Amino acid sequence: MAAGFEEIKSCPAVFVLFDKKRNMIGLLILHVDDGLWAGQGPLFKAAQDNIRKEFNLHERNGTFKFLGRKVIQTSDFSITLSQHDYIKEISPIYLAPSRGKKYSRPATTDESAAFRNMINQLAWPARNTLPQINYDISDLQQRSNNMTIGTLLRANGVLRRAQPAPYTHLRSPDT
């Protein structure tokens, strides 16, 4: 890349910028028509200027959305990623009151479809900002062929744990 960034061979669309001593001083991540960069120093600023000359960029600082995640950069340069707005829109699986206490009964076709939908929706934040539910989502995905009311209730419990704001973000550096 003309600006000096080098693509990471094992991670296409992720580019790094090194100084003369091969210390990483910049990072550029691209996805379709979105990009995110971070770095410091005069060499990084010069690389940014070169890219700005080539492309019409709409830049954002502070708080913004990137690939469905809320990105917050504070004055100490820490970054918080949040998917709270996405997670709070996920609906629990509806269970008729007459079925709710029959844990070992098989799920109906509609309940199974709702289960798969909810688990697929939760898998994305589990990989990105909610590592604390990753095991539960993986385990529930493996139960999709033999679902019971108990499986559905457990899935609703995972959703309830995921929805409160304090648990829906990652912060770097971890403070």
C-alpha atoms as a PDB file:
ATOM      1  CA  MET A   1       0.000   0.000   0.000  1.00  0.00           C
ATOM      2  CA  ALA A   2       1.389   3.374  -1.015  1.00  0.00           C
ATOM      3  CA  ALA A   3       0.866   4.863   2.451  1.00  0.00           C
ATOM      4  CA  GLY A   4       3.285   2.327   3.963  1.00  0.00           C
ATOM      5  CA  PHE A   5       0.816  -0.061   5.599  1.00  0.00           C
ATOM      6  CA  GLU A   6       1.490  -3.781   5.133  1.00  0.00           C
ATOM      7  CA  GLU A   7      -1.328  -6.325   4.964  1.00  0.00           C
ATOM      8  CA  ILE A   8      -1.190  -9.110   7.533  1.00  0.00           C
ATOM      9  CA  LYS A   9      -1.049 -12.286   5.425  1.00  0.00           C
ATOM     10  CA  SER A  10      -3.043 -14.364   7.898  1.00  0.00           C
ATOM     11  CA  CYS A  11      -5.731 -11.685   8.293  1.00  0.00           C
ATOM     12  CA  PRO A  12      -6.811 -10.113   4.991  1.00  0.00           C
ATOM     13  CA  ALA A  13      -7.995  -6.495   5.142  1.00  0.00           C
ATOM     14  CA  VAL A  14      -5.944  -5.810   8.293  1.00  0.00           C
ATOM     15  CA  PHE A  15      -2.898  -3.626   7.721  1.00  0.00           C
ATOM     16  CA  VAL A  16      -0.087  -2.542  10.022  1.00  0.00           C
ATOM     17  CA  LEU A  17       2.381   0.309   9.810  1.00  0.00           C
ATOM     18  CA  PHE A  18       5.908  -0.112  11.158  1.00  0.00           C
ATOM     19  CA  ASP A  19       8.621   2.387  11.953  1.00  0.00           C
ATOM     20  CA  LYS A  20      12.228   1.824  10.841  1.00  0.00           C
ATOM     21  CA  LYS A  21      12.874  -0.426  13.853  1.00  0.00           C
ATOM     22  CA  ARG A  22       9.818  -2.565  12.900  1.00  0.00           C
ATOM     23  CA  ASN A  23       7.820  -1.358  15.897  1.00  0.00           C
ATOM     24  CA  MET A  24       4.127  -1.282  15.044  1.00  0.00           C
ATOM     25  CA  ILE A  25       2.923   2.313  15.100  1.00  0.00           C
ATOM     26  CA  GLY A  26      -0.363   2.033  13.219  1.00  0.00           C
ATOM     27  CA  LEU A  27      -3.232  -0.297  12.408  1.00  0.00           C
ATOM     28  CA  LEU A  28      -5.831  -0.106   9.637  1.00  0.00           C
ATOM     29  CA  ILE A  29      -8.837  -2.446   9.431  1.00  0.00           C
ATOM     30  CA  LEU A  30     -11.063  -2.454   6.336  1.00  0.00           C
ATOM     31  CA  HIS A  31     -14.422  -4.105   5.689  1.00  0.00           C
ATOM     32  CA  VAL A  32     -16.340  -3.332   2.484  1.00  0.00           C
ATOM     33  CA  ASP A  33     -16.796   0.447   2.759  1.00  0.00           C
ATOM     34  CA  ASP A  34     -15.887   0.807   6.441  1.00  0.00           C
ATOM     35  CA  GLY A  35     -12.471   1.362   7.931  1.00  0.00           C
ATOM     36  CA  LEU A  36     -10.929   1.872  11.328  1.00  0.00           C
ATOM     37  CA  TRP A  37      -7.458   3.064  12.116  1.00  0.00           C
ATOM     38  CA  ALA A  38      -5.373   3.711  15.182  1.00  0.00           C
ATOM     39  CA  GLY A  39      -1.809   4.823  15.668  1.00  0.00           C
ATOM     40  CA  GLN A  40       0.541   7.538  16.768  1.00  0.00           C
ATOM     41  CA  GLY A  41       3.512   9.585  15.711  1.00  0.00           C
ATOM     42  CA  PRO A  42       4.557  11.581  12.646  1.00  0.00           C
ATOM     43  CA  LEU A  43       4.964   8.539  10.360  1.00  0.00           C
ATOM     44  CA  PHE A  44       1.403   7.428  11.158  1.00  0.00           C
ATOM     45  CA  LYS A  45       0.092  10.979  10.569  1.00  0.00           C
ATOM     46  CA  ALA A  46       1.886  11.072   7.187  1.00  0.00           C
ATOM     47  CA  ALA A  47       0.355   7.705   6.229  1.00  0.00           C
ATOM     48  CA  GLN A  48      -3.091   9.026   7.186  1.00  0.00           C
ATOM     49  CA  ASP A  49      -2.539  12.120   5.025  1.00  0.00           C
ATOM     50  CA  ASN A  50      -1.573   9.927   2.049  1.00  0.00           C
ATOM     51  CA  ILE A  51      -4.742   7.869   2.425  1.00  0.00           C
ATOM     52  CA  ARG A  52      -6.870  11.007   2.794  1.00  0.00           C
ATOM     53  CA  LYS A  53      -5.469  12.285  -0.531  1.00  0.00           C
ATOM     54  CA  GLU A  54      -6.567   9.076  -2.297  1.00  0.00           C
ATOM     55  CA  PHE A  55      -9.982   8.540  -0.720  1.00  0.00           C
ATOM     56  CA  ASN A  56     -12.952  10.656   0.257  1.00  0.00           C
ATOM     57  CA  LEU A  57     -13.246   9.708   3.924  1.00  0.00           C
ATOM     58  CA  HIS A  58     -15.941  10.501   6.458  1.00  0.00           C
ATOM     59  CA  GLU A  59     -14.038  10.392   9.718  1.00  0.00           C
ATOM     60  CA  ARG A  60     -15.432  10.092  13.210  1.00  0.00           C
ATOM     61  CA  ASN A  61     -13.779  10.441  16.579  1.00  0.00           C
ATOM     62  CA  GLY A  62     -14.972   9.896  20.133  1.00  0.00           C
ATOM     63  CA  THR A  63     -18.136   7.771  19.902  1.00  0.00           C
ATOM     64  CA  PHE A  64     -19.342   6.153  16.678  1.00  0.00           C
ATOM     65  CA  LYS A  65     -20.655   2.908  15.165  1.00  0.00           C
ATOM     66  CA  PHE A  66     -18.318   0.522  13.340  1.00  0.00           C
ATOM     67  CA  LEU A  67     -19.619  -2.744  11.878  1.00  0.00           C
ATOM     68  CA  GLY A  68     -22.600  -2.748  14.235  1.00  0.00           C
ATOM     69  CA  ARG A  69     -20.560  -2.062  17.341  1.00  0.00           C
ATOM     70  CA  LYS A  70     -20.562   1.156  19.316  1.00  0.00           C
ATOM     71  CA  VAL A  71     -16.971   2.381  19.637  1.00  0.00           C
ATOM     72  CA  ILE A  72     -16.105   4.836  22.391  1.00  0.00           C
ATOM     73  CA  GLN A  73     -12.634   6.335  22.644  1.00  0.00           C
ATOM     74  CA  THR A  74     -11.981   8.359  25.767  1.00  0.00           C
ATOM     75  CA  SER A  75      -9.432  11.066  26.495  1.00  0.00           C
ATOM     76  CA  ASP A  76      -7.014   8.468  27.956  1.00  0.00           C
ATOM     77  CA  PHE A  77      -7.117   6.672  24.518  1.00  0.00           C
ATOM     78  CA  SER A  78      -8.831   3.619  25.944  1.00  0.00           C
ATOM     79  CA  ILE A  79     -11.469   2.072  23.677  1.00  0.00           C
ATOM     80  CA  THR A  80     -14.769   0.501  24.692  1.00  0.00           C
ATOM     81  CA  LEU A  81     -16.734  -1.695  22.284  1.00  0.00           C
ATOM     82  CA  SER A  82     -20.418  -2.185  23.038  1.00  0.00           C
ATOM     83  CA  GLN A  83     -23.233  -4.112  21.386  1.00  0.00           C
ATOM     84  CA  HIS A  84     -25.805  -3.224  24.028  1.00  0.00           C
ATOM     85  CA  ASP A  85     -28.189  -1.569  21.541  1.00  0.00           C
ATOM     86  CA  TYR A  86     -28.133  -4.724  19.398  1.00  0.00           C
ATOM     87  CA  ILE A  87     -28.560  -7.122  22.329  1.00  0.00           C
ATOM     88  CA  LYS A  88     -31.468  -5.280  23.936  1.00  0.00           C
ATOM     89  CA  GLU A  89     -33.479  -5.806  20.715  1.00  0.00           C
ATOM     90  CA  ILE A  90     -33.221  -9.625  20.894  1.00  0.00           C
ATOM     91  CA  SER A  91     -36.525 -11.168  21.958  1.00  0.00           C
ATOM     92  CA  PRO A  92     -36.785 -14.109  24.356  1.00  0.00           C
ATOM     93  CA  ILE A  93     -38.426 -17.343  23.249  1.00  0.00           C
ATOM     94  CA  TYR A  94     -42.125 -17.259  24.016  1.00  0.00           C
ATOM     95  CA  LEU A  95     -43.416 -20.216  25.993  1.00  0.00           C
ATOM     96  CA  ALA A  96     -47.099 -20.635  26.734  1.00  0.00           C
ATOM     97  CA  PRO A  97     -47.679 -20.663  30.506  1.00  0.00           C
ATOM     98  CA  SER A  98     -49.032 -24.206  30.279  1.00  0.00           C
ATOM     99  CA  ARG A  99     -45.693 -25.436  28.818  1.00  0.00           C
ATOM    100  CA  GLY A 100     -43.264 -23.499  31.023  1.00  0.00           C
ATOM    101  CA  LYS A 101     -42.879 -26.059  33.820  1.00  0.00           C
ATOM    102  CA  LYS A 102     -42.650 -29.194  31.674  1.00  0.00           C
ATOM    103  CA  TYR A 103     -38.856 -29.173  31.343  1.00  0.00           C
ATOM    104  CA  SER A 104     -38.370 -32.533  29.621  1.00  0.00           C
ATOM    105  CA  ARG A 105     -41.065 -32.114  26.955  1.00  0.00           C
ATOM    106  CA  PRO A 106     -39.778 -31.591  23.406  1.00  0.00           C
ATOM    107  CA  ALA A 107     -39.939 -28.132  21.888  1.00  0.00           C
ATOM    108  CA  THR A 108     -42.523 -27.443  19.184  1.00  0.00           C
ATOM    109  CA  THR A 109     -41.502 -26.494  15.636  1.00  0.00           C
ATOM    110  CA  ASP A 110     -42.211 -22.807  16.322  1.00  0.00           C
ATOM    111  CA  GLU A 111     -40.297 -22.883  19.608  1.00  0.00           C
ATOM    112  CA  SER A 112     -37.351 -24.579  17.859  1.00  0.00           C
ATOM    113  CA  ALA A 113     -37.320 -21.881  15.155  1.00  0.00           C
ATOM    114  CA  ALA A 114     -37.407 -19.128  17.807  1.00  0.00           C
ATOM    115  CA  PHE A 115     -34.580 -20.866  19.684  1.00  0.00           C
ATOM    116  CA  ARG A 116     -32.340 -21.046  16.586  1.00  0.00           C
ATOM    117  CA  ASN A 117     -33.067 -17.419  15.758  1.00  0.00           C
ATOM    118  CA  MET A 118     -32.220 -16.176  19.249  1.00  0.00           C
ATOM    119  CA  ILE A 119     -29.064 -18.291  19.579  1.00  0.00           C
ATOM    120  CA  ASN A 120     -27.821 -17.134  16.164  1.00  0.00           C
ATOM    121  CA  GLN A 121     -28.431 -13.524  17.187  1.00  0.00           C
ATOM    122  CA  LEU A 122     -26.501 -14.026  20.446  1.00  0.00           C
ATOM    123  CA  ALA A 123     -23.574 -15.822  18.766  1.00  0.00           C
ATOM    124  CA  TRP A 124     -22.273 -12.603  17.204  1.00  0.00           C
ATOM    125  CA  PRO A 125     -21.919 -10.604  20.449  1.00  0.00           C
ATOM    126  CA  ALA A 126     -20.624 -13.739  22.201  1.00  0.00           C
ATOM    127  CA  ARG A 127     -17.677 -13.716  19.773  1.00  0.00           C
ATOM    128  CA  ASN A 128     -17.156  -9.948  19.930  1.00  0.00           C
ATOM    129  CA  THR A 129     -18.068  -8.330  23.238  1.00  0.00           C
ATOM    130  CA  LEU A 130     -19.601 -10.981  25.507  1.00  0.00           C
ATOM    131  CA  PRO A 131     -17.054 -13.747  26.023  1.00  0.00           C
ATOM    132  CA  GLN A 132     -18.803 -14.637  29.288  1.00  0.00           C
ATOM    133  CA  ILE A 133     -21.713 -16.209  27.333  1.00  0.00           C
ATOM    134  CA  ASN A 134     -19.569 -17.917  24.687  1.00  0.00           C
ATOM    135  CA  TYR A 135     -19.655 -21.351  26.353  1.00  0.00           C
ATOM    136  CA  ASP A 136     -23.415 -21.204  26.875  1.00  0.00           C
ATOM    137  CA  ILE A 137     -24.056 -20.264  23.249  1.00  0.00           C
ATOM    138  CA  SER A 138     -21.773 -23.025  21.976  1.00  0.00           C
ATOM    139  CA  ASP A 139     -23.419 -25.584  24.237  1.00  0.00           C
ATOM    140  CA  LEU A 140     -26.937 -24.483  23.270  1.00  0.00           C
ATOM    141  CA  GLN A 141     -26.076 -24.595  19.546  1.00  0.00           C
ATOM    142  CA  GLN A 142     -25.149 -28.252  19.982  1.00  0.00           C
ATOM    143  CA  ARG A 143     -28.570 -28.988  21.521  1.00  0.00           C
ATOM    144  CA  SER A 144     -30.595 -27.668  18.590  1.00  0.00           C
ATOM    145  CA  ASN A 145     -31.532 -31.178  17.414  1.00  0.00           C
ATOM    146  CA  ASN A 146     -32.914 -32.373  20.765  1.00  0.00           C
ATOM    147  CA  MET A 147     -34.515 -29.291  22.263  1.00  0.00           C
ATOM    148  CA  THR A 148     -36.695 -29.487  25.321  1.00  0.00           C
ATOM    149  CA  ILE A 149     -38.578 -26.850  27.284  1.00  0.00           C
ATOM    150  CA  GLY A 150     -35.618 -26.896  29.683  1.00  0.00           C
ATOM    151  CA  THR A 151     -33.262 -25.991  26.799  1.00  0.00           C
ATOM    152  CA  LEU A 152     -35.515 -23.077  25.835  1.00  0.00           C
ATOM    153  CA  LEU A 153     -35.670 -21.813  29.420  1.00  0.00           C
ATOM    154  CA  ARG A 154     -31.882 -22.002  29.674  1.00  0.00           C
ATOM    155  CA  ALA A 155     -31.534 -20.021  26.425  1.00  0.00           C
ATOM    156  CA  ASN A 156     -33.868 -17.336  27.794  1.00  0.00           C
ATOM    157  CA  GLY A 157     -31.698 -17.206  30.921  1.00  0.00           C
ATOM    158  CA  VAL A 158     -28.571 -16.613  28.833  1.00  0.00           C
ATOM    159  CA  LEU A 159     -30.360 -13.762  27.052  1.00  0.00           C
ATOM    160  CA  ARG A 160     -31.372 -12.227  30.398  1.00  0.00           C
ATOM    161  CA  ARG A 161     -27.722 -12.335  31.541  1.00  0.00           C
ATOM    162  CA  ALA A 162     -26.554 -10.743  28.277  1.00  0.00           C
ATOM    163  CA  GLN A 163     -28.951  -7.798  28.206  1.00  0.00           C
ATOM    164  CA  PRO A 164     -27.878  -5.647  31.204  1.00  0.00           C
ATOM    165  CA  ALA A 165     -25.577  -2.810  30.095  1.00  0.00           C
ATOM    166  CA  PRO A 166     -22.620  -3.559  32.453  1.00  0.00           C
ATOM    167  CA  TYR A 167     -22.008  -6.874  30.702  1.00  0.00           C
ATOM    168  CA  THR A 168     -22.215  -5.843  27.055  1.00  0.00           C
ATOM    169  CA  HIS A 169     -18.860  -4.239  26.376  1.00  0.00           C
ATOM    170  CA  LEU A 170     -15.119  -4.789  26.285  1.00  0.00           C
ATOM    171  CA  ARG A 171     -12.619  -2.116  27.253  1.00  0.00           C
ATOM    172  CA  SER A 172      -9.017  -1.856  26.181  1.00  0.00           C
ATOM    173  CA  PRO A 173      -6.761  -1.394  27.986  1.00  0.00           C
ATOM    174  CA  ASP A 174      -8.594  -3.338  30.645  1.00  0.00           C
ATOM    175  CA  THR A 175      -8.851  -1.005  33.630  1.00  0.00           C
END
